[in-house]
């Protein structure tokens, strides 16, 4: 049985959040404020990262939570600051850090599981969101083009 009140509340909050996201993207494009998309991506990626860590704990898969949460803003801001050019370099640095830190310092199986959980989380959460910024800045002549491209992704 579907709880109608819960469903209505979720739909209403999704409509409000979608409106906020679209209007933020449109205003950022209209007034040429590109960094606002980075903050918007960070507001989406960071809670998703916390939820990913909670899921890994529930599944009893070890993950390096502090380092994982530190790399999320680094990946997002490296995309925004360097205009989408070096986000893959930052991702490779994050993956290298996860692998070398935990394979070298922990017993092999535990270190491997921590490294894999961290690498998968980085590939699953913040990295795909950086493509939203690249689509957003892919431009056009009219201010609405970047926001409408971002709306397609949403």
N, C-alpha and C. Protein backbone atom coordinates (compact mmCIF):
# COMPACT_ATOMS: atom_id res chain seq x y z
N UNK A 1 0.85 -1.18 0.00
CA UNK A 1 0.00 0.00 0.00
C UNK A 1 0.89 1.24 0.00
N UNK A 2 0.61 2.15 -0.85
CA UNK A 2 1.39 3.37 -0.98
C UNK A 2 0.87 4.40 0.02
N UNK A 3 1.80 4.97 0.76
CA UNK A 3 1.45 6.02 1.69
C UNK A 3 1.31 7.32 0.89
N UNK A 4 0.10 7.81 0.75
CA UNK A 4 -0.19 8.96 -0.12
C UNK A 4 0.46 10.23 0.41
N UNK A 5 0.46 10.42 1.70
CA UNK A 5 1.06 11.63 2.27
C UNK A 5 2.57 11.65 2.02
N UNK A 6 3.22 10.50 2.22
CA UNK A 6 4.65 10.42 1.98
C UNK A 6 4.97 10.66 0.50
N UNK A 7 4.18 10.06 -0.38
CA UNK A 7 4.38 10.24 -1.82
C UNK A 7 4.17 11.69 -2.22
N UNK A 8 3.15 12.32 -1.69
CA UNK A 8 2.88 13.73 -2.01
C UNK A 8 4.01 14.62 -1.52
N UNK A 9 4.50 14.35 -0.32
CA UNK A 9 5.60 15.14 0.23
C UNK A 9 6.86 14.99 -0.62
N UNK A 10 7.16 13.77 -1.04
CA UNK A 10 8.35 13.54 -1.87
C UNK A 10 8.23 14.19 -3.24
N UNK A 11 7.05 14.10 -3.85
CA UNK A 11 6.85 14.74 -5.15
C UNK A 11 6.95 16.26 -5.04
N UNK A 12 6.37 16.82 -4.00
CA UNK A 12 6.43 18.26 -3.81
C UNK A 12 7.87 18.72 -3.59
N UNK A 13 8.62 18.00 -2.75
CA UNK A 13 10.02 18.39 -2.52
C UNK A 13 10.86 18.21 -3.78
N UNK A 14 10.56 17.20 -4.59
CA UNK A 14 11.29 17.02 -5.85
C UNK A 14 11.00 18.17 -6.82
N UNK A 15 9.75 18.61 -6.87
CA UNK A 15 9.41 19.74 -7.74
C UNK A 15 10.08 21.03 -7.28
N UNK A 16 10.09 21.25 -5.98
CA UNK A 16 10.75 22.44 -5.43
C UNK A 16 12.25 22.39 -5.71
N UNK A 17 12.88 21.24 -5.44
CA UNK A 17 14.32 21.11 -5.67
C UNK A 17 14.65 21.26 -7.15
N UNK A 18 13.84 20.68 -8.01
CA UNK A 18 14.06 20.83 -9.45
C UNK A 18 13.94 22.27 -9.90
N UNK A 19 12.98 22.98 -9.35
CA UNK A 19 12.84 24.40 -9.67
C UNK A 19 14.01 25.23 -9.20
N UNK A 20 14.50 24.92 -8.00
CA UNK A 20 15.67 25.63 -7.48
C UNK A 20 16.89 25.36 -8.34
N UNK A 21 17.09 24.09 -8.71
CA UNK A 21 18.25 23.73 -9.53
C UNK A 21 18.17 24.40 -10.89
N UNK A 22 17.03 24.31 -11.54
CA UNK A 22 16.92 24.90 -12.88
C UNK A 22 17.07 26.42 -12.84
N UNK A 23 16.45 27.07 -11.86
CA UNK A 23 16.57 28.53 -11.79
C UNK A 23 18.00 28.95 -11.46
N UNK A 24 18.68 28.19 -10.60
CA UNK A 24 20.08 28.49 -10.30
C UNK A 24 20.94 28.34 -11.55
N UNK A 25 20.73 27.27 -12.29
CA UNK A 25 21.50 27.07 -13.52
C UNK A 25 21.20 28.15 -14.55
N UNK A 26 19.95 28.52 -14.67
CA UNK A 26 19.59 29.57 -15.63
C UNK A 26 20.22 30.91 -15.25
N UNK A 27 20.11 31.29 -13.97
CA UNK A 27 20.68 32.56 -13.54
C UNK A 27 22.20 32.55 -13.65
N UNK A 28 22.82 31.41 -13.36
CA UNK A 28 24.27 31.30 -13.53
C UNK A 28 24.69 31.48 -14.97
N UNK A 29 23.90 30.96 -15.89
CA UNK A 29 24.21 31.12 -17.30
C UNK A 29 23.91 32.55 -17.76
N UNK A 30 22.82 33.08 -17.31
CA UNK A 30 22.39 34.42 -17.74
C UNK A 30 23.40 35.48 -17.34
N UNK A 31 23.93 35.38 -16.12
CA UNK A 31 24.85 36.40 -15.61
C UNK A 31 26.30 35.93 -15.63
N UNK A 32 26.57 34.83 -16.32
CA UNK A 32 27.92 34.30 -16.51
C UNK A 32 28.64 34.05 -15.18
N UNK A 33 27.98 33.35 -14.28
CA UNK A 33 28.55 32.97 -12.99
C UNK A 33 28.70 31.45 -13.01
N UNK A 34 29.86 30.98 -13.45
CA UNK A 34 30.06 29.55 -13.65
C UNK A 34 30.27 28.79 -12.34
N UNK A 35 30.85 29.42 -11.33
CA UNK A 35 31.17 28.70 -10.10
C UNK A 35 29.93 28.27 -9.33
N UNK A 36 28.79 28.88 -9.62
CA UNK A 36 27.57 28.51 -8.90
C UNK A 36 27.19 27.06 -9.19
N UNK A 37 27.56 26.57 -10.37
CA UNK A 37 27.28 25.18 -10.71
C UNK A 37 28.14 24.25 -9.86
N UNK A 38 29.37 24.65 -9.56
CA UNK A 38 30.22 23.85 -8.68
C UNK A 38 29.62 23.70 -7.30
N UNK A 39 29.07 24.77 -6.78
CA UNK A 39 28.42 24.69 -5.47
C UNK A 39 27.19 23.81 -5.54
N UNK A 40 26.44 23.92 -6.62
CA UNK A 40 25.26 23.08 -6.80
C UNK A 40 25.64 21.60 -6.89
N UNK A 41 26.71 21.31 -7.62
CA UNK A 41 27.19 19.92 -7.73
C UNK A 41 27.66 19.43 -6.37
N UNK A 42 28.35 20.30 -5.63
CA UNK A 42 28.83 19.90 -4.31
C UNK A 42 27.67 19.62 -3.36
N UNK A 43 26.60 20.40 -3.45
CA UNK A 43 25.42 20.14 -2.62
C UNK A 43 24.75 18.82 -2.98
N UNK A 44 24.94 18.35 -4.19
CA UNK A 44 24.40 17.04 -4.57
C UNK A 44 25.36 15.92 -4.23
N UNK A 45 26.67 16.15 -4.42
CA UNK A 45 27.65 15.08 -4.27
C UNK A 45 27.97 14.76 -2.82
N UNK A 46 28.03 15.77 -1.97
CA UNK A 46 28.46 15.51 -0.60
C UNK A 46 27.45 14.66 0.19
N UNK A 47 26.16 14.97 0.17
CA UNK A 47 25.21 14.07 0.84
C UNK A 47 25.18 12.68 0.22
N UNK A 48 25.38 12.60 -1.10
CA UNK A 48 25.45 11.28 -1.74
C UNK A 48 26.67 10.52 -1.25
N UNK A 49 27.78 11.22 -1.02
CA UNK A 49 28.97 10.58 -0.47
C UNK A 49 28.76 10.07 0.95
N UNK A 50 28.09 10.86 1.76
CA UNK A 50 27.78 10.42 3.13
C UNK A 50 26.86 9.21 3.10
N UNK A 51 25.89 9.23 2.21
CA UNK A 51 24.99 8.08 2.08
C UNK A 51 25.73 6.84 1.59
N UNK A 52 26.70 7.02 0.70
CA UNK A 52 27.52 5.91 0.22
C UNK A 52 28.33 5.30 1.36
N UNK A 53 28.88 6.14 2.21
CA UNK A 53 29.65 5.65 3.36
C UNK A 53 28.74 4.87 4.31
N UNK A 54 27.54 5.37 4.55
CA UNK A 54 26.60 4.65 5.41
C UNK A 54 26.21 3.31 4.80
N UNK A 55 26.05 3.26 3.49
CA UNK A 55 25.73 2.01 2.82
C UNK A 55 26.88 1.02 2.95
N UNK A 56 28.10 1.49 2.80
CA UNK A 56 29.26 0.59 2.93
C UNK A 56 29.37 0.06 4.36
N UNK A 57 29.08 0.90 5.35
CA UNK A 57 29.10 0.43 6.74
C UNK A 57 28.02 -0.60 6.98
N UNK A 58 26.84 -0.38 6.41
CA UNK A 58 25.74 -1.33 6.57
C UNK A 58 26.07 -2.67 5.91
N UNK A 59 26.77 -2.63 4.79
CA UNK A 59 27.18 -3.86 4.10
C UNK A 59 28.46 -4.45 4.67
N UNK A 60 29.02 -3.80 5.69
CA UNK A 60 30.25 -4.21 6.36
C UNK A 60 31.44 -4.26 5.40
N UNK A 61 31.48 -3.29 4.51
CA UNK A 61 32.62 -3.12 3.62
C UNK A 61 33.41 -1.93 4.14
N UNK A 62 34.67 -2.13 4.48
CA UNK A 62 35.44 -1.02 5.05
C UNK A 62 35.72 0.06 4.00
N UNK A 63 35.61 1.30 4.42
CA UNK A 63 35.93 2.43 3.55
C UNK A 63 36.59 3.51 4.39
N UNK A 64 37.51 4.21 3.78
CA UNK A 64 38.19 5.31 4.46
C UNK A 64 37.32 6.56 4.34
N UNK A 65 36.47 6.77 5.31
CA UNK A 65 35.47 7.83 5.22
C UNK A 65 36.06 9.24 5.15
N UNK A 66 37.00 9.61 6.03
CA UNK A 66 37.47 11.00 5.96
C UNK A 66 38.14 11.35 4.63
N UNK A 67 39.00 10.45 4.16
CA UNK A 67 39.68 10.72 2.89
C UNK A 67 38.70 10.76 1.73
N UNK A 68 37.72 9.88 1.76
CA UNK A 68 36.72 9.85 0.70
C UNK A 68 35.96 11.17 0.66
N UNK A 69 35.56 11.67 1.82
CA UNK A 69 34.80 12.92 1.86
C UNK A 69 35.66 14.14 1.54
N UNK A 70 36.97 14.04 1.74
CA UNK A 70 37.86 15.14 1.38
C UNK A 70 38.02 15.24 -0.14
N UNK A 71 38.05 14.08 -0.81
CA UNK A 71 38.28 14.10 -2.26
C UNK A 71 37.07 14.60 -3.05
N UNK A 72 35.88 14.54 -2.49
CA UNK A 72 34.69 14.99 -3.23
C UNK A 72 34.78 16.48 -3.57
N UNK A 73 35.01 17.39 -2.60
CA UNK A 73 35.13 18.80 -2.99
C UNK A 73 36.35 19.09 -3.85
N UNK A 74 37.43 18.33 -3.65
CA UNK A 74 38.62 18.53 -4.49
C UNK A 74 38.28 18.23 -5.95
N UNK A 75 37.58 17.14 -6.19
CA UNK A 75 37.20 16.80 -7.56
C UNK A 75 36.25 17.84 -8.16
N UNK A 76 35.28 18.27 -7.38
CA UNK A 76 34.30 19.23 -7.90
C UNK A 76 34.97 20.57 -8.19
N UNK A 77 35.76 21.08 -7.25
CA UNK A 77 36.37 22.39 -7.46
C UNK A 77 37.48 22.36 -8.49
N UNK A 78 38.17 21.23 -8.65
CA UNK A 78 39.16 21.16 -9.73
C UNK A 78 38.48 21.23 -11.08
N UNK A 79 37.29 20.72 -11.18
CA UNK A 79 36.53 20.83 -12.43
C UNK A 79 36.12 22.27 -12.68
N UNK A 80 35.64 22.95 -11.66
CA UNK A 80 35.15 24.32 -11.84
C UNK A 80 36.30 25.30 -12.04
N UNK A 81 37.35 25.18 -11.24
CA UNK A 81 38.46 26.13 -11.31
C UNK A 81 39.18 26.03 -12.65
N UNK A 82 39.43 24.81 -13.11
CA UNK A 82 40.15 24.63 -14.37
C UNK A 82 39.22 24.45 -15.55
N UNK A 83 37.96 24.83 -15.39
CA UNK A 83 36.97 24.85 -16.46
C UNK A 83 36.78 23.49 -17.12
N UNK A 84 36.82 22.44 -16.33
CA UNK A 84 36.54 21.10 -16.82
C UNK A 84 37.71 20.41 -17.49
N UNK A 85 38.89 21.04 -17.51
CA UNK A 85 40.01 20.45 -18.24
C UNK A 85 40.75 19.39 -17.46
N UNK A 86 40.93 19.57 -16.17
CA UNK A 86 41.79 18.68 -15.39
C UNK A 86 41.04 17.86 -14.36
N UNK A 87 39.77 17.63 -14.56
CA UNK A 87 39.02 16.85 -13.59
C UNK A 87 39.47 15.39 -13.59
N UNK A 88 39.87 14.87 -14.73
CA UNK A 88 40.34 13.49 -14.79
C UNK A 88 41.69 13.36 -14.07
N UNK A 89 42.53 14.39 -14.14
CA UNK A 89 43.80 14.37 -13.42
C UNK A 89 43.55 14.32 -11.92
N UNK A 90 42.62 15.13 -11.43
CA UNK A 90 42.29 15.10 -10.01
C UNK A 90 41.70 13.75 -9.62
N UNK A 91 40.89 13.16 -10.49
CA UNK A 91 40.33 11.84 -10.22
C UNK A 91 41.43 10.79 -10.14
N UNK A 92 42.39 10.84 -11.05
CA UNK A 92 43.49 9.88 -11.01
C UNK A 92 44.35 10.07 -9.77
N UNK A 93 44.55 11.30 -9.33
CA UNK A 93 45.27 11.53 -8.08
C UNK A 93 44.51 10.94 -6.89
N UNK A 94 43.20 11.11 -6.88
CA UNK A 94 42.38 10.55 -5.80
C UNK A 94 42.44 9.03 -5.80
N UNK A 95 42.35 8.42 -6.97
CA UNK A 95 42.42 6.96 -7.06
C UNK A 95 43.79 6.46 -6.64
N UNK A 96 44.85 7.13 -7.09
CA UNK A 96 46.21 6.74 -6.71
C UNK A 96 46.39 6.84 -5.21
N UNK A 97 45.88 7.92 -4.61
CA UNK A 97 45.99 8.06 -3.16
C UNK A 97 45.26 6.93 -2.44
N UNK A 98 44.04 6.63 -2.86
CA UNK A 98 43.26 5.57 -2.22
C UNK A 98 44.00 4.24 -2.30
N UNK A 99 44.51 3.92 -3.46
CA UNK A 99 45.16 2.61 -3.66
C UNK A 99 46.46 2.54 -2.89
N UNK A 100 47.34 3.52 -3.04
CA UNK A 100 48.65 3.45 -2.39
C UNK A 100 48.56 3.55 -0.88
N UNK A 101 47.65 4.36 -0.39
CA UNK A 101 47.54 4.52 1.07
C UNK A 101 47.09 3.23 1.74
N UNK A 102 46.13 2.56 1.18
CA UNK A 102 45.55 1.42 1.88
C UNK A 102 46.15 0.09 1.49
N UNK A 103 46.76 -0.01 0.35
CA UNK A 103 47.44 -1.27 0.04
C UNK A 103 48.78 -1.36 0.75
N UNK A 104 49.40 -0.23 1.01
CA UNK A 104 50.70 -0.24 1.67
C UNK A 104 50.64 -0.34 3.18
N UNK A 105 49.59 0.16 3.80
CA UNK A 105 49.58 0.26 5.25
C UNK A 105 48.76 -0.80 5.96
N UNK A 106 47.83 -1.43 5.28
CA UNK A 106 46.96 -2.42 5.92
C UNK A 106 47.28 -3.81 5.39
N UNK A 107 46.83 -4.85 6.10
CA UNK A 107 46.96 -6.19 5.53
C UNK A 107 46.30 -6.24 4.16
N UNK A 108 46.81 -7.10 3.33
CA UNK A 108 46.48 -7.05 1.91
C UNK A 108 44.98 -7.08 1.62
N UNK A 109 44.23 -7.96 2.23
CA UNK A 109 42.80 -8.06 1.91
C UNK A 109 42.03 -6.84 2.41
N UNK A 110 42.29 -6.41 3.64
CA UNK A 110 41.59 -5.25 4.18
C UNK A 110 41.95 -3.98 3.41
N UNK A 111 43.23 -3.82 3.10
CA UNK A 111 43.65 -2.65 2.32
C UNK A 111 43.04 -2.65 0.94
N UNK A 112 42.96 -3.83 0.33
CA UNK A 112 42.37 -3.93 -1.00
C UNK A 112 40.89 -3.56 -0.97
N UNK A 113 40.15 -4.06 0.03
CA UNK A 113 38.72 -3.76 0.12
C UNK A 113 38.47 -2.27 0.37
N UNK A 114 39.30 -1.65 1.23
CA UNK A 114 39.15 -0.21 1.47
C UNK A 114 39.45 0.58 0.21
N UNK A 115 40.51 0.18 -0.49
CA UNK A 115 40.87 0.90 -1.72
C UNK A 115 39.79 0.76 -2.78
N UNK A 116 39.27 -0.45 -2.95
CA UNK A 116 38.24 -0.68 -3.97
C UNK A 116 36.96 0.09 -3.63
N UNK A 117 36.56 0.07 -2.36
CA UNK A 117 35.35 0.80 -1.97
C UNK A 117 35.51 2.30 -2.19
N UNK A 118 36.69 2.83 -1.88
CA UNK A 118 36.93 4.26 -2.10
C UNK A 118 36.98 4.62 -3.58
N UNK A 119 37.65 3.80 -4.37
CA UNK A 119 37.75 4.07 -5.81
C UNK A 119 36.39 3.98 -6.47
N UNK A 120 35.62 2.96 -6.15
CA UNK A 120 34.29 2.84 -6.73
C UNK A 120 33.40 4.01 -6.33
N UNK A 121 33.49 4.43 -5.08
CA UNK A 121 32.70 5.57 -4.64
C UNK A 121 33.06 6.85 -5.38
N UNK A 122 34.35 7.06 -5.63
CA UNK A 122 34.77 8.24 -6.39
C UNK A 122 34.30 8.18 -7.84
N UNK A 123 34.32 6.98 -8.41
CA UNK A 123 33.86 6.83 -9.79
C UNK A 123 32.34 6.90 -9.89
N UNK A 124 31.67 6.60 -8.80
CA UNK A 124 30.21 6.50 -8.82
C UNK A 124 29.52 7.82 -8.47
N UNK A 125 30.12 8.63 -7.60
CA UNK A 125 29.42 9.81 -7.12
C UNK A 125 29.95 11.12 -7.71
N UNK A 126 31.16 11.59 -7.33
CA UNK A 126 31.51 12.94 -7.80
C UNK A 126 31.95 13.01 -9.26
N UNK A 127 32.56 11.96 -9.78
CA UNK A 127 33.08 12.05 -11.13
C UNK A 127 31.99 12.20 -12.19
N UNK A 128 30.90 11.41 -12.15
CA UNK A 128 29.85 11.66 -13.15
C UNK A 128 29.20 13.04 -13.02
N UNK A 129 29.18 13.58 -11.81
CA UNK A 129 28.59 14.91 -11.63
C UNK A 129 29.44 16.00 -12.26
N UNK A 130 30.74 15.75 -12.45
CA UNK A 130 31.56 16.76 -13.10
C UNK A 130 31.18 16.92 -14.57
N UNK A 131 30.57 15.91 -15.15
CA UNK A 131 30.11 16.04 -16.53
C UNK A 131 28.94 17.01 -16.64
N UNK A 132 28.20 17.17 -15.56
CA UNK A 132 27.13 18.16 -15.55
C UNK A 132 27.70 19.55 -15.79
N UNK A 133 28.84 19.84 -15.16
CA UNK A 133 29.48 21.14 -15.37
C UNK A 133 29.96 21.29 -16.81
N UNK A 134 30.53 20.23 -17.36
CA UNK A 134 31.02 20.31 -18.74
C UNK A 134 29.87 20.50 -19.73
N UNK A 135 28.75 19.87 -19.47
CA UNK A 135 27.59 20.09 -20.33
C UNK A 135 27.05 21.51 -20.12
N UNK A 136 27.10 21.96 -18.88
CA UNK A 136 26.60 23.30 -18.56
C UNK A 136 27.38 24.39 -19.29
N UNK A 137 28.71 24.23 -19.37
CA UNK A 137 29.52 25.26 -20.02
C UNK A 137 29.63 25.05 -21.52
N UNK A 138 28.99 24.00 -22.06
CA UNK A 138 29.14 23.71 -23.48
C UNK A 138 28.43 24.72 -24.36
N UNK A 139 27.83 25.66 -23.76
CA UNK A 139 27.48 26.91 -24.35
C UNK A 139 26.45 26.98 -25.43
N UNK A 140 26.73 27.83 -26.33
CA UNK A 140 25.80 28.28 -27.33
C UNK A 140 25.76 29.79 -27.24
N UNK A 141 24.97 30.39 -28.06
CA UNK A 141 24.93 31.85 -28.08
C UNK A 141 23.93 32.44 -27.09
N UNK A 142 22.90 31.70 -26.79
CA UNK A 142 21.87 32.22 -25.90
C UNK A 142 22.12 31.76 -24.47
N UNK A 143 21.73 32.57 -23.48
CA UNK A 143 21.96 32.20 -22.09
C UNK A 143 21.21 30.96 -21.65
N UNK A 144 20.12 30.62 -22.31
CA UNK A 144 19.32 29.48 -21.86
C UNK A 144 19.90 28.15 -22.30
N UNK A 145 20.88 28.15 -23.20
CA UNK A 145 21.37 26.89 -23.76
C UNK A 145 22.06 26.05 -22.70
N UNK A 146 22.95 26.64 -21.91
CA UNK A 146 23.65 25.87 -20.88
C UNK A 146 22.70 25.30 -19.85
N UNK A 147 21.72 26.10 -19.44
CA UNK A 147 20.75 25.63 -18.45
C UNK A 147 19.87 24.54 -19.03
N UNK A 148 19.50 24.66 -20.29
CA UNK A 148 18.66 23.61 -20.88
C UNK A 148 19.45 22.33 -21.09
N UNK A 149 20.76 22.45 -21.40
CA UNK A 149 21.60 21.25 -21.48
C UNK A 149 21.69 20.57 -20.12
N UNK A 150 21.82 21.36 -19.06
CA UNK A 150 21.87 20.79 -17.73
C UNK A 150 20.53 20.17 -17.35
N UNK A 151 19.44 20.75 -17.80
CA UNK A 151 18.12 20.19 -17.51
C UNK A 151 17.95 18.82 -18.17
N UNK A 152 18.53 18.65 -19.35
CA UNK A 152 18.47 17.35 -20.02
C UNK A 152 19.15 16.29 -19.17
N UNK A 153 20.28 16.64 -18.57
CA UNK A 153 21.00 15.69 -17.72
C UNK A 153 20.22 15.39 -16.45
N UNK A 154 19.58 16.42 -15.88
CA UNK A 154 18.83 16.20 -14.64
C UNK A 154 17.66 15.29 -14.91
